[in-house]
């Protein structure tokens, strides 16, 4: 598969890893089974509600932007999804941050997944079910370098190498009415002593 980044990292996109029937089933089951929470985060010292619902699955707690997320036990659906993407990534993920975008007004701001517990070169496996949303990337140092890709229902995006050192990413709001989307971002936590994220 082709790297969608021009330099300084590797992002590989698999547009239809899951069939339409699989994706529809997972979207419905995850909406019901997952222990979704609506939590505040700290931005420039100010506490604001996140514009989406979140959940954390894995063996250990996770801290970012002033939040401590306590782990839920893996569900059978999450284990099946995890095993399918592990066969492609060639690695074993031990945790996942889940995001539920309820409609077009929910979003994710610009950030890098560069917390120290994710290791020197974090590997992030991102699975999408539901409405198609645009995933934007911009180079952290060379501001003119930008790219984007539409993450479709049943797709898998693999970020690895030096991507989190050099590239920020986001999911912007849109004015076009959209249905729900669930995004699963599988990760590898390297230790059990976590601080605040960068």
N, C-alpha and C. Protein backbone atom coordinates (compact mmCIF):
# COMPACT_ATOMS: atom_id res chain seq x y z
N UNK A 1 0.84 -1.19 0.00
CA UNK A 1 0.00 0.00 0.00
C UNK A 1 0.88 1.25 0.00
N UNK A 2 0.33 2.33 -0.50
CA UNK A 2 1.10 3.57 -0.68
C UNK A 2 1.10 4.44 0.58
N UNK A 3 2.27 5.02 0.87
CA UNK A 3 2.40 5.99 1.96
C UNK A 3 1.79 7.31 1.51
N UNK A 4 0.82 7.85 2.27
CA UNK A 4 0.17 9.09 1.84
C UNK A 4 0.95 10.34 2.26
N UNK A 5 2.01 10.17 3.06
CA UNK A 5 2.83 11.32 3.46
C UNK A 5 3.96 11.53 2.47
N UNK A 6 4.30 12.79 2.16
CA UNK A 6 5.39 13.05 1.24
C UNK A 6 6.77 12.83 1.86
N UNK A 7 6.87 12.95 3.20
CA UNK A 7 8.15 12.74 3.88
C UNK A 7 7.92 12.65 5.38
N UNK A 8 8.96 12.27 6.11
CA UNK A 8 9.00 12.32 7.58
C UNK A 8 7.90 11.51 8.25
N UNK A 9 7.72 10.28 7.82
CA UNK A 9 6.74 9.43 8.47
C UNK A 9 6.08 8.49 7.48
N UNK A 10 5.19 7.66 8.00
CA UNK A 10 4.51 6.69 7.15
C UNK A 10 3.06 6.54 7.60
N UNK A 11 2.13 6.81 6.69
CA UNK A 11 0.71 6.62 6.94
C UNK A 11 0.14 5.79 5.78
N UNK A 12 -0.35 4.60 6.10
CA UNK A 12 -0.85 3.67 5.09
C UNK A 12 -2.36 3.53 5.26
N UNK A 13 -3.10 3.60 4.16
CA UNK A 13 -4.56 3.59 4.20
C UNK A 13 -5.13 2.36 3.50
N UNK A 14 -6.01 1.66 4.20
CA UNK A 14 -6.72 0.50 3.66
C UNK A 14 -8.21 0.86 3.64
N UNK A 15 -8.77 1.23 2.47
CA UNK A 15 -10.11 1.81 2.42
C UNK A 15 -11.26 0.89 2.81
N UNK A 16 -11.16 -0.41 2.56
CA UNK A 16 -12.28 -1.31 2.85
C UNK A 16 -11.79 -2.59 3.49
N UNK A 17 -11.21 -2.46 4.66
CA UNK A 17 -10.72 -3.65 5.36
C UNK A 17 -11.89 -4.49 5.87
N UNK A 18 -12.97 -3.82 6.26
CA UNK A 18 -14.17 -4.50 6.74
C UNK A 18 -15.28 -4.34 5.71
N UNK A 19 -16.08 -5.38 5.54
CA UNK A 19 -17.18 -5.32 4.58
C UNK A 19 -18.27 -4.37 5.10
N UNK A 20 -19.19 -4.01 4.22
CA UNK A 20 -20.29 -3.13 4.62
C UNK A 20 -21.12 -3.77 5.72
N UNK A 21 -21.37 -5.06 5.62
CA UNK A 21 -22.15 -5.76 6.65
C UNK A 21 -21.41 -5.80 7.98
N UNK A 22 -20.11 -6.09 7.93
CA UNK A 22 -19.30 -6.09 9.16
C UNK A 22 -19.30 -4.72 9.81
N UNK A 23 -19.11 -3.69 9.00
CA UNK A 23 -19.04 -2.32 9.51
C UNK A 23 -20.36 -1.90 10.15
N UNK A 24 -21.46 -2.24 9.50
CA UNK A 24 -22.78 -1.90 10.05
C UNK A 24 -23.00 -2.60 11.39
N UNK A 25 -22.60 -3.86 11.46
CA UNK A 25 -22.75 -4.63 12.70
C UNK A 25 -21.90 -4.08 13.82
N UNK A 26 -20.64 -3.75 13.51
CA UNK A 26 -19.74 -3.22 14.54
C UNK A 26 -20.20 -1.84 15.01
N UNK A 27 -20.65 -1.00 14.11
CA UNK A 27 -21.14 0.32 14.51
C UNK A 27 -22.28 0.19 15.51
N UNK A 28 -23.22 -0.68 15.22
CA UNK A 28 -24.38 -0.87 16.11
C UNK A 28 -23.96 -1.45 17.46
N UNK A 29 -23.09 -2.48 17.44
CA UNK A 29 -22.70 -3.12 18.69
C UNK A 29 -21.84 -2.21 19.55
N UNK A 30 -20.94 -1.45 18.93
CA UNK A 30 -20.07 -0.56 19.70
C UNK A 30 -20.84 0.60 20.32
N UNK A 31 -21.86 1.09 19.61
CA UNK A 31 -22.68 2.15 20.18
C UNK A 31 -23.36 1.69 21.46
N UNK A 32 -23.73 0.41 21.52
CA UNK A 32 -24.44 -0.12 22.68
C UNK A 32 -23.51 -0.65 23.76
N UNK A 33 -22.45 -1.36 23.36
CA UNK A 33 -21.61 -2.09 24.32
C UNK A 33 -20.58 -1.21 25.03
N UNK A 34 -20.11 -0.20 24.36
CA UNK A 34 -18.99 0.59 24.90
C UNK A 34 -19.46 1.52 26.02
N UNK A 35 -18.64 1.64 27.04
CA UNK A 35 -18.92 2.52 28.17
C UNK A 35 -18.49 3.95 27.82
N UNK A 36 -19.31 4.61 26.97
CA UNK A 36 -18.96 5.94 26.48
C UNK A 36 -19.06 7.00 27.58
N UNK A 37 -18.13 7.97 27.54
CA UNK A 37 -18.14 9.07 28.51
C UNK A 37 -17.97 10.40 27.78
N UNK A 38 -18.56 11.43 28.35
CA UNK A 38 -18.38 12.79 27.84
C UNK A 38 -17.60 13.55 28.91
N UNK A 39 -16.32 13.80 28.63
CA UNK A 39 -15.43 14.33 29.66
C UNK A 39 -14.80 15.66 29.25
N UNK A 40 -14.44 16.47 30.24
CA UNK A 40 -13.75 17.73 29.95
C UNK A 40 -12.25 17.52 29.76
N UNK A 41 -11.63 18.40 28.98
CA UNK A 41 -10.17 18.42 28.85
C UNK A 41 -9.69 19.84 29.13
N UNK A 42 -8.40 19.96 29.42
CA UNK A 42 -7.82 21.28 29.66
C UNK A 42 -7.11 21.77 28.42
N UNK A 43 -7.52 22.94 27.95
CA UNK A 43 -6.89 23.58 26.80
C UNK A 43 -6.43 24.96 27.24
N UNK A 44 -5.11 25.17 27.21
CA UNK A 44 -4.52 26.43 27.68
C UNK A 44 -5.01 26.79 29.08
N UNK A 45 -5.08 25.76 29.95
CA UNK A 45 -5.46 25.98 31.33
C UNK A 45 -6.95 26.08 31.59
N UNK A 46 -7.75 26.05 30.52
CA UNK A 46 -9.20 26.17 30.66
C UNK A 46 -9.86 24.81 30.41
N UNK A 47 -10.84 24.48 31.24
CA UNK A 47 -11.53 23.21 31.11
C UNK A 47 -12.73 23.34 30.18
N UNK A 48 -12.75 22.52 29.13
CA UNK A 48 -13.87 22.53 28.18
C UNK A 48 -14.29 21.08 27.91
N UNK A 49 -15.55 20.90 27.54
CA UNK A 49 -16.04 19.56 27.23
C UNK A 49 -15.52 19.13 25.85
N UNK A 50 -15.08 17.89 25.76
CA UNK A 50 -14.63 17.37 24.47
C UNK A 50 -15.80 17.31 23.49
N UNK A 51 -15.57 17.66 22.22
CA UNK A 51 -16.64 17.62 21.22
C UNK A 51 -16.83 16.23 20.62
N UNK A 52 -16.93 15.23 21.50
CA UNK A 52 -17.14 13.83 21.11
C UNK A 52 -17.21 13.01 22.39
N UNK A 53 -17.63 11.77 22.28
CA UNK A 53 -17.61 10.84 23.40
C UNK A 53 -16.37 9.97 23.30
N UNK A 54 -15.86 9.51 24.44
CA UNK A 54 -14.63 8.71 24.42
C UNK A 54 -14.75 7.50 25.36
N UNK A 55 -13.85 6.54 25.15
CA UNK A 55 -13.73 5.38 26.03
C UNK A 55 -12.32 4.83 25.89
N UNK A 56 -11.84 4.17 26.93
CA UNK A 56 -10.49 3.62 26.94
C UNK A 56 -10.53 2.13 27.26
N UNK A 57 -9.88 1.34 26.44
CA UNK A 57 -9.82 -0.10 26.64
C UNK A 57 -8.37 -0.56 26.66
N UNK A 58 -8.06 -1.50 27.57
CA UNK A 58 -6.69 -1.99 27.68
C UNK A 58 -6.41 -2.48 29.08
N UNK A 59 -5.12 -2.52 29.42
CA UNK A 59 -4.71 -3.08 30.70
C UNK A 59 -4.38 -2.02 31.75
N UNK A 60 -4.14 -0.79 31.32
CA UNK A 60 -3.68 0.25 32.24
C UNK A 60 -4.41 1.56 31.98
N UNK A 61 -4.38 2.45 32.96
CA UNK A 61 -5.00 3.75 32.77
C UNK A 61 -4.14 4.61 31.84
N UNK A 62 -4.75 5.68 31.34
CA UNK A 62 -4.11 6.53 30.33
C UNK A 62 -4.43 7.97 30.66
N UNK A 63 -3.44 8.84 30.57
CA UNK A 63 -3.64 10.24 30.91
C UNK A 63 -3.25 11.14 29.74
N UNK A 64 -4.13 12.07 29.42
CA UNK A 64 -3.81 13.08 28.41
C UNK A 64 -4.69 14.30 28.64
N UNK A 65 -4.14 15.49 28.41
CA UNK A 65 -4.87 16.76 28.51
C UNK A 65 -5.68 16.89 29.80
N UNK A 66 -5.08 16.44 30.90
CA UNK A 66 -5.74 16.59 32.20
C UNK A 66 -6.76 15.51 32.53
N UNK A 67 -6.93 14.53 31.65
CA UNK A 67 -7.87 13.43 31.90
C UNK A 67 -7.11 12.17 32.30
N UNK A 68 -7.64 11.46 33.30
CA UNK A 68 -7.17 10.11 33.59
C UNK A 68 -8.26 9.14 33.17
N UNK A 69 -7.96 8.33 32.17
CA UNK A 69 -8.94 7.38 31.64
C UNK A 69 -8.67 6.00 32.24
N UNK A 70 -9.68 5.44 32.89
CA UNK A 70 -9.55 4.12 33.50
C UNK A 70 -10.00 3.06 32.50
N UNK A 71 -9.25 1.96 32.42
CA UNK A 71 -9.49 0.99 31.35
C UNK A 71 -10.74 0.14 31.56
N UNK A 72 -11.41 -0.14 30.46
CA UNK A 72 -12.48 -1.13 30.41
C UNK A 72 -11.89 -2.43 29.88
N UNK A 73 -12.54 -3.55 30.21
CA UNK A 73 -12.09 -4.85 29.70
C UNK A 73 -12.50 -4.99 28.23
N UNK A 74 -11.62 -5.60 27.44
CA UNK A 74 -11.90 -5.81 26.02
C UNK A 74 -13.22 -6.53 25.81
N UNK A 75 -14.03 -6.07 24.87
CA UNK A 75 -15.25 -6.78 24.47
C UNK A 75 -14.89 -7.75 23.35
N UNK A 76 -15.80 -8.68 23.04
CA UNK A 76 -15.53 -9.64 21.97
C UNK A 76 -15.41 -8.92 20.63
N UNK A 77 -16.22 -7.88 20.40
CA UNK A 77 -16.15 -7.12 19.15
C UNK A 77 -14.79 -6.45 19.00
N UNK A 78 -14.33 -5.82 20.06
CA UNK A 78 -13.03 -5.13 20.01
C UNK A 78 -11.89 -6.12 19.79
N UNK A 79 -11.98 -7.29 20.40
CA UNK A 79 -10.93 -8.30 20.21
C UNK A 79 -10.88 -8.78 18.77
N UNK A 80 -12.04 -8.97 18.15
CA UNK A 80 -12.07 -9.41 16.74
C UNK A 80 -11.47 -8.35 15.82
N UNK A 81 -11.82 -7.08 16.07
CA UNK A 81 -11.28 -5.98 15.26
C UNK A 81 -9.77 -5.89 15.46
N UNK A 82 -9.35 -5.98 16.71
CA UNK A 82 -7.93 -5.88 17.04
C UNK A 82 -7.12 -6.97 16.35
N UNK A 83 -7.62 -8.19 16.38
CA UNK A 83 -6.90 -9.30 15.76
C UNK A 83 -6.80 -9.13 14.24
N UNK A 84 -7.83 -8.57 13.64
CA UNK A 84 -7.82 -8.39 12.18
C UNK A 84 -6.76 -7.36 11.76
N UNK A 85 -6.67 -6.24 12.49
CA UNK A 85 -5.68 -5.23 12.10
C UNK A 85 -4.27 -5.62 12.52
N UNK A 86 -4.15 -6.42 13.58
CA UNK A 86 -2.81 -6.89 13.99
C UNK A 86 -2.18 -7.76 12.92
N UNK A 87 -3.01 -8.52 12.21
CA UNK A 87 -2.50 -9.39 11.14
C UNK A 87 -1.89 -8.55 10.01
N UNK A 88 -2.43 -7.34 9.80
CA UNK A 88 -1.90 -6.45 8.77
C UNK A 88 -0.71 -5.65 9.28
N UNK A 89 -0.82 -5.14 10.51
CA UNK A 89 0.25 -4.30 11.07
C UNK A 89 1.47 -5.11 11.48
N UNK A 90 1.27 -6.40 11.75
CA UNK A 90 2.38 -7.25 12.16
C UNK A 90 2.85 -7.00 13.58
N UNK A 91 1.97 -6.43 14.41
CA UNK A 91 2.30 -6.15 15.80
C UNK A 91 1.08 -6.44 16.67
N UNK A 92 1.27 -6.42 17.99
CA UNK A 92 0.17 -6.63 18.93
C UNK A 92 -0.12 -5.34 19.67
N UNK A 93 -1.33 -4.85 19.54
CA UNK A 93 -1.76 -3.65 20.27
C UNK A 93 -2.25 -4.06 21.66
N UNK A 94 -2.00 -3.22 22.68
CA UNK A 94 -2.43 -3.56 24.03
C UNK A 94 -3.43 -2.56 24.62
N UNK A 95 -3.87 -1.59 23.82
CA UNK A 95 -4.82 -0.61 24.32
C UNK A 95 -5.50 0.09 23.15
N UNK A 96 -6.60 0.78 23.45
CA UNK A 96 -7.32 1.50 22.40
C UNK A 96 -8.10 2.67 22.99
N UNK A 97 -7.96 3.83 22.35
CA UNK A 97 -8.77 4.99 22.66
C UNK A 97 -9.89 5.05 21.62
N UNK A 98 -11.13 5.04 22.08
CA UNK A 98 -12.28 5.04 21.19
C UNK A 98 -12.93 6.42 21.19
N UNK A 99 -13.32 6.88 20.01
CA UNK A 99 -13.98 8.17 19.85
C UNK A 99 -15.32 7.98 19.14
N UNK A 100 -16.36 8.56 19.70
CA UNK A 100 -17.69 8.49 19.11
C UNK A 100 -18.09 9.89 18.65
N UNK A 101 -18.08 10.09 17.33
CA UNK A 101 -18.50 11.36 16.74
C UNK A 101 -20.00 11.23 16.47
N UNK A 102 -20.81 11.92 17.26
CA UNK A 102 -22.25 11.73 17.20
C UNK A 102 -22.88 12.32 15.94
N UNK A 103 -22.29 13.39 15.42
CA UNK A 103 -22.80 14.05 14.21
C UNK A 103 -21.70 14.94 13.65
N UNK A 104 -22.07 15.77 12.68
CA UNK A 104 -21.09 16.64 11.99
C UNK A 104 -20.48 17.69 12.91
N UNK A 105 -21.09 17.95 14.06
CA UNK A 105 -20.59 18.99 14.97
C UNK A 105 -19.47 18.47 15.88
N UNK A 106 -19.35 17.17 16.01
CA UNK A 106 -18.27 16.60 16.82
C UNK A 106 -16.97 16.60 16.02
N UNK A 107 -15.85 16.73 16.72
CA UNK A 107 -14.57 16.92 16.03
C UNK A 107 -13.41 16.50 16.91
N UNK A 108 -12.21 16.57 16.33
CA UNK A 108 -10.95 16.33 17.04
C UNK A 108 -9.98 17.43 16.60
N UNK A 109 -9.42 18.16 17.57
CA UNK A 109 -8.51 19.26 17.24
C UNK A 109 -7.13 18.77 16.82
N UNK A 110 -6.32 19.70 16.32
CA UNK A 110 -4.96 19.39 15.88
C UNK A 110 -4.13 18.86 17.05
N UNK A 111 -3.43 17.75 16.82
CA UNK A 111 -2.58 17.17 17.88
C UNK A 111 -1.64 16.14 17.26
N UNK A 112 -0.66 15.74 18.07
CA UNK A 112 0.21 14.61 17.75
C UNK A 112 0.06 13.58 18.85
N UNK A 113 0.05 12.31 18.48
CA UNK A 113 0.01 11.24 19.49
C UNK A 113 1.46 10.91 19.88
N UNK A 114 2.05 11.82 20.67
CA UNK A 114 3.48 11.69 20.97
C UNK A 114 3.75 11.58 22.46
N UNK A 115 2.77 11.10 23.25
CA UNK A 115 3.00 10.89 24.66
C UNK A 115 4.14 9.87 24.85
N UNK A 116 4.95 10.10 25.86
CA UNK A 116 6.16 9.29 26.01
C UNK A 116 5.86 7.81 26.23
N UNK A 117 4.70 7.49 26.83
CA UNK A 117 4.38 6.08 27.07
C UNK A 117 4.06 5.31 25.79
N UNK A 118 3.88 6.03 24.67
CA UNK A 118 3.63 5.37 23.39
C UNK A 118 4.92 4.96 22.68
N UNK A 119 6.07 5.30 23.29
CA UNK A 119 7.34 4.88 22.73
C UNK A 119 7.98 5.91 21.82
N UNK A 120 9.18 5.60 21.33
CA UNK A 120 9.95 6.54 20.50
C UNK A 120 9.24 6.86 19.20
N UNK A 121 8.74 5.83 18.52
CA UNK A 121 8.00 6.00 17.27
C UNK A 121 6.64 5.31 17.41
N UNK A 122 5.64 6.03 17.92
CA UNK A 122 4.33 5.40 18.17
C UNK A 122 3.71 4.79 16.93
N UNK A 123 3.06 3.65 17.14
CA UNK A 123 2.30 3.00 16.08
C UNK A 123 0.83 3.10 16.45
N UNK A 124 0.04 3.72 15.58
CA UNK A 124 -1.38 3.92 15.84
C UNK A 124 -2.18 3.25 14.73
N UNK A 125 -3.07 2.35 15.10
CA UNK A 125 -3.95 1.70 14.14
C UNK A 125 -5.36 2.24 14.29
N UNK A 126 -5.86 2.94 13.29
CA UNK A 126 -7.13 3.66 13.37
C UNK A 126 -8.19 3.01 12.48
N UNK A 127 -9.28 2.54 13.11
CA UNK A 127 -10.38 1.90 12.40
C UNK A 127 -11.61 2.81 12.44
N UNK A 128 -12.32 2.93 11.34
CA UNK A 128 -13.50 3.79 11.26
C UNK A 128 -14.75 3.01 10.85
N UNK A 129 -15.84 3.27 11.58
CA UNK A 129 -17.15 2.72 11.22
C UNK A 129 -18.17 3.85 11.22
N UNK A 130 -19.03 3.86 10.21
CA UNK A 130 -20.07 4.88 10.15
C UNK A 130 -19.78 5.94 9.11
N UNK A 131 -20.17 7.18 9.42
CA UNK A 131 -20.06 8.29 8.46
C UNK A 131 -18.61 8.56 8.06
N UNK A 132 -18.41 8.90 6.79
CA UNK A 132 -17.08 9.28 6.30
C UNK A 132 -16.70 10.65 6.85
N UNK A 133 -15.49 10.75 7.40
CA UNK A 133 -14.99 12.03 7.90
C UNK A 133 -13.60 12.29 7.30
N UNK A 134 -13.29 13.56 7.11
CA UNK A 134 -12.00 13.95 6.53
C UNK A 134 -10.93 14.00 7.61
N UNK A 135 -9.84 13.29 7.37
CA UNK A 135 -8.68 13.22 8.27
C UNK A 135 -7.61 14.13 7.68
N UNK A 136 -7.31 15.22 8.36
CA UNK A 136 -6.34 16.19 7.87
C UNK A 136 -4.99 16.03 8.57
N UNK A 137 -3.93 16.21 7.82
CA UNK A 137 -2.57 16.17 8.37
C UNK A 137 -1.81 17.41 7.94
N UNK A 138 -0.99 17.94 8.83
CA UNK A 138 -0.10 19.04 8.46
C UNK A 138 1.23 18.86 9.17
N UNK A 139 2.31 19.21 8.47
CA UNK A 139 3.65 19.06 9.02
C UNK A 139 3.85 20.04 10.16
N UNK A 140 4.44 19.56 11.25
CA UNK A 140 4.59 20.38 12.46
C UNK A 140 5.60 21.49 12.27
N UNK A 141 6.58 21.30 11.41
CA UNK A 141 7.65 22.29 11.21
C UNK A 141 7.53 23.01 9.87
N UNK A 142 7.25 22.26 8.81
CA UNK A 142 7.07 22.84 7.48
C UNK A 142 5.57 23.07 7.25
N UNK A 143 5.09 24.24 7.65
CA UNK A 143 3.65 24.51 7.71
C UNK A 143 2.95 24.43 6.35
N UNK A 144 3.70 24.52 5.28
CA UNK A 144 3.08 24.46 3.95
C UNK A 144 2.74 23.04 3.51
N UNK A 145 3.32 22.05 4.20
CA UNK A 145 3.05 20.65 3.86
C UNK A 145 1.76 20.20 4.53
N UNK A 146 0.75 19.91 3.71
CA UNK A 146 -0.56 19.47 4.20
C UNK A 146 -1.09 18.37 3.30
N UNK A 147 -1.90 17.50 3.88
CA UNK A 147 -2.59 16.49 3.08
C UNK A 147 -3.84 16.07 3.84
N UNK A 148 -4.74 15.40 3.17
CA UNK A 148 -5.95 14.91 3.84
C UNK A 148 -6.46 13.67 3.12
N UNK A 149 -7.28 12.91 3.83
CA UNK A 149 -7.85 11.70 3.26
C UNK A 149 -9.21 11.46 3.90
N UNK A 150 -10.17 10.99 3.13
CA UNK A 150 -11.48 10.67 3.66
C UNK A 150 -11.46 9.26 4.25
N UNK A 151 -11.76 9.17 5.55
CA UNK A 151 -11.79 7.87 6.23
C UNK A 151 -13.20 7.30 6.10
N UNK A 152 -13.32 6.28 5.26
CA UNK A 152 -14.63 5.72 4.94
C UNK A 152 -15.02 4.61 5.92
N UNK A 153 -16.28 4.23 5.83
CA UNK A 153 -16.83 3.16 6.65
C UNK A 153 -16.06 1.86 6.41
N UNK A 154 -15.53 1.27 7.49
CA UNK A 154 -14.80 0.01 7.38
C UNK A 154 -13.34 0.15 7.02
N UNK A 155 -12.82 1.38 7.06
CA UNK A 155 -11.42 1.60 6.65
C UNK A 155 -10.46 1.44 7.83
N UNK A 156 -9.18 1.28 7.48
CA UNK A 156 -8.10 1.13 8.46
C UNK A 156 -6.94 2.04 8.04
N UNK A 157 -6.49 2.87 8.96
CA UNK A 157 -5.36 3.78 8.73
C UNK A 157 -4.26 3.42 9.72
N UNK A 158 -3.06 3.16 9.20
CA UNK A 158 -1.93 2.78 10.04
C UNK A 158 -0.87 3.89 10.02
N UNK A 159 -0.61 4.47 11.18
CA UNK A 159 0.42 5.51 11.31
C UNK A 159 1.61 4.92 12.05
N UNK A 160 2.81 5.07 11.47
CA UNK A 160 4.00 4.49 12.10
C UNK A 160 5.24 5.28 11.71
N UNK A 161 6.42 4.77 12.11
CA UNK A 161 7.66 5.48 11.83
C UNK A 161 7.73 6.78 12.62
N UNK A 162 8.22 7.83 11.98
CA UNK A 162 8.41 9.12 12.65
C UNK A 162 7.21 10.05 12.49
N UNK A 163 6.05 9.52 12.09
CA UNK A 163 4.87 10.35 11.83
C UNK A 163 4.53 11.29 12.98
N UNK A 164 4.51 10.79 14.21
CA UNK A 164 4.07 11.60 15.35
C UNK A 164 5.10 12.65 15.76
N UNK A 165 6.34 12.52 15.29
CA UNK A 165 7.35 13.56 15.53
C UNK A 165 7.10 14.78 14.64
N UNK A 166 6.63 14.52 13.42
CA UNK A 166 6.61 15.57 12.39
C UNK A 166 5.22 16.01 11.93
N UNK A 167 4.19 15.22 12.22
CA UNK A 167 2.88 15.53 11.66
C UNK A 167 1.80 15.63 12.73
N UNK A 168 0.98 16.67 12.62
CA UNK A 168 -0.24 16.79 13.42
C UNK A 168 -1.41 16.29 12.59
N UNK A 169 -2.48 15.90 13.28
CA UNK A 169 -3.68 15.48 12.56
C UNK A 169 -4.93 15.92 13.30
N UNK A 170 -6.05 15.97 12.57
CA UNK A 170 -7.31 16.39 13.17
C UNK A 170 -8.49 15.84 12.36
N UNK A 171 -9.67 15.90 12.97
CA UNK A 171 -10.94 15.63 12.30
C UNK A 171 -11.79 16.89 12.47
N UNK A 172 -11.93 17.72 11.44
CA UNK A 172 -12.67 18.99 11.59
C UNK A 172 -14.19 18.79 11.59
N UNK A 173 -14.88 19.77 12.14
CA UNK A 173 -16.32 19.81 12.02
C UNK A 173 -16.69 20.06 10.56
N UNK A 174 -17.94 19.80 10.22
CA UNK A 174 -18.40 20.09 8.87
C UNK A 174 -19.81 20.67 8.93
N UNK A 175 -20.17 21.43 7.92
CA UNK A 175 -21.52 22.02 7.88
C UNK A 175 -22.53 21.06 7.26
N UNK A 176 -22.01 20.01 6.61
CA UNK A 176 -22.89 19.03 5.96
C UNK A 176 -23.41 18.03 6.98
N UNK A 177 -24.72 17.82 7.08
CA UNK A 177 -25.26 16.88 8.07
C UNK A 177 -24.69 15.47 7.89
N UNK A 178 -24.25 14.88 9.00
CA UNK A 178 -23.66 13.55 8.97
C UNK A 178 -24.20 12.70 10.11
N UNK A 179 -24.22 11.40 9.88
CA UNK A 179 -24.60 10.47 10.93
C UNK A 179 -23.42 10.17 11.83
N UNK A 180 -23.57 9.23 12.76
CA UNK A 180 -22.50 8.93 13.71
C UNK A 180 -21.32 8.19 13.08
N UNK A 181 -20.18 8.38 13.68
CA UNK A 181 -18.96 7.66 13.30
C UNK A 181 -18.26 7.22 14.58
N UNK A 182 -17.80 5.98 14.59
CA UNK A 182 -16.99 5.48 15.70
C UNK A 182 -15.60 5.19 15.17
N UNK A 183 -14.61 5.72 15.87
CA UNK A 183 -13.21 5.57 15.49
C UNK A 183 -12.47 4.87 16.64
N UNK A 184 -11.77 3.79 16.31
CA UNK A 184 -11.00 3.04 17.29
C UNK A 184 -9.52 3.26 17.00
N UNK A 185 -8.78 3.84 17.95
CA UNK A 185 -7.34 4.08 17.73
C UNK A 185 -6.55 3.16 18.64
N UNK A 186 -6.06 2.08 18.05
CA UNK A 186 -5.31 1.07 18.78
C UNK A 186 -3.86 1.53 18.96
N UNK A 187 -3.32 1.26 20.16
CA UNK A 187 -2.00 1.76 20.52
C UNK A 187 -1.21 0.68 21.25
N UNK A 188 0.08 0.99 21.47
CA UNK A 188 0.95 0.14 22.28
C UNK A 188 1.51 1.00 23.41
N UNK A 189 1.06 0.74 24.64
CA UNK A 189 1.63 1.45 25.79
C UNK A 189 2.89 0.72 26.22
N UNK A 190 3.96 1.49 26.41
CA UNK A 190 5.27 0.88 26.66
C UNK A 190 5.57 0.63 28.13
N UNK A 191 4.89 1.35 29.04
CA UNK A 191 5.15 1.14 30.46
C UNK A 191 3.89 1.45 31.26
N UNK A 192 3.98 1.41 32.57
CA UNK A 192 2.81 1.60 33.42
C UNK A 192 2.94 2.84 34.29
N UNK A 193 3.77 3.79 33.89
CA UNK A 193 3.93 5.02 34.65
C UNK A 193 3.67 6.19 33.70
N UNK A 194 2.48 6.75 33.78
CA UNK A 194 2.07 7.71 32.78
C UNK A 194 1.99 9.13 33.33
N UNK A 195 2.45 10.08 32.53
CA UNK A 195 2.34 11.47 32.89
C UNK A 195 1.38 12.16 31.94
N UNK A 196 1.41 13.47 31.95
CA UNK A 196 0.54 14.23 31.04
C UNK A 196 1.08 14.12 29.62
N UNK A 197 0.18 14.21 28.68
CA UNK A 197 0.61 14.16 27.28
C UNK A 197 1.13 15.53 26.85
N UNK A 198 1.89 15.52 25.75
CA UNK A 198 2.43 16.76 25.23
C UNK A 198 1.40 17.52 24.45
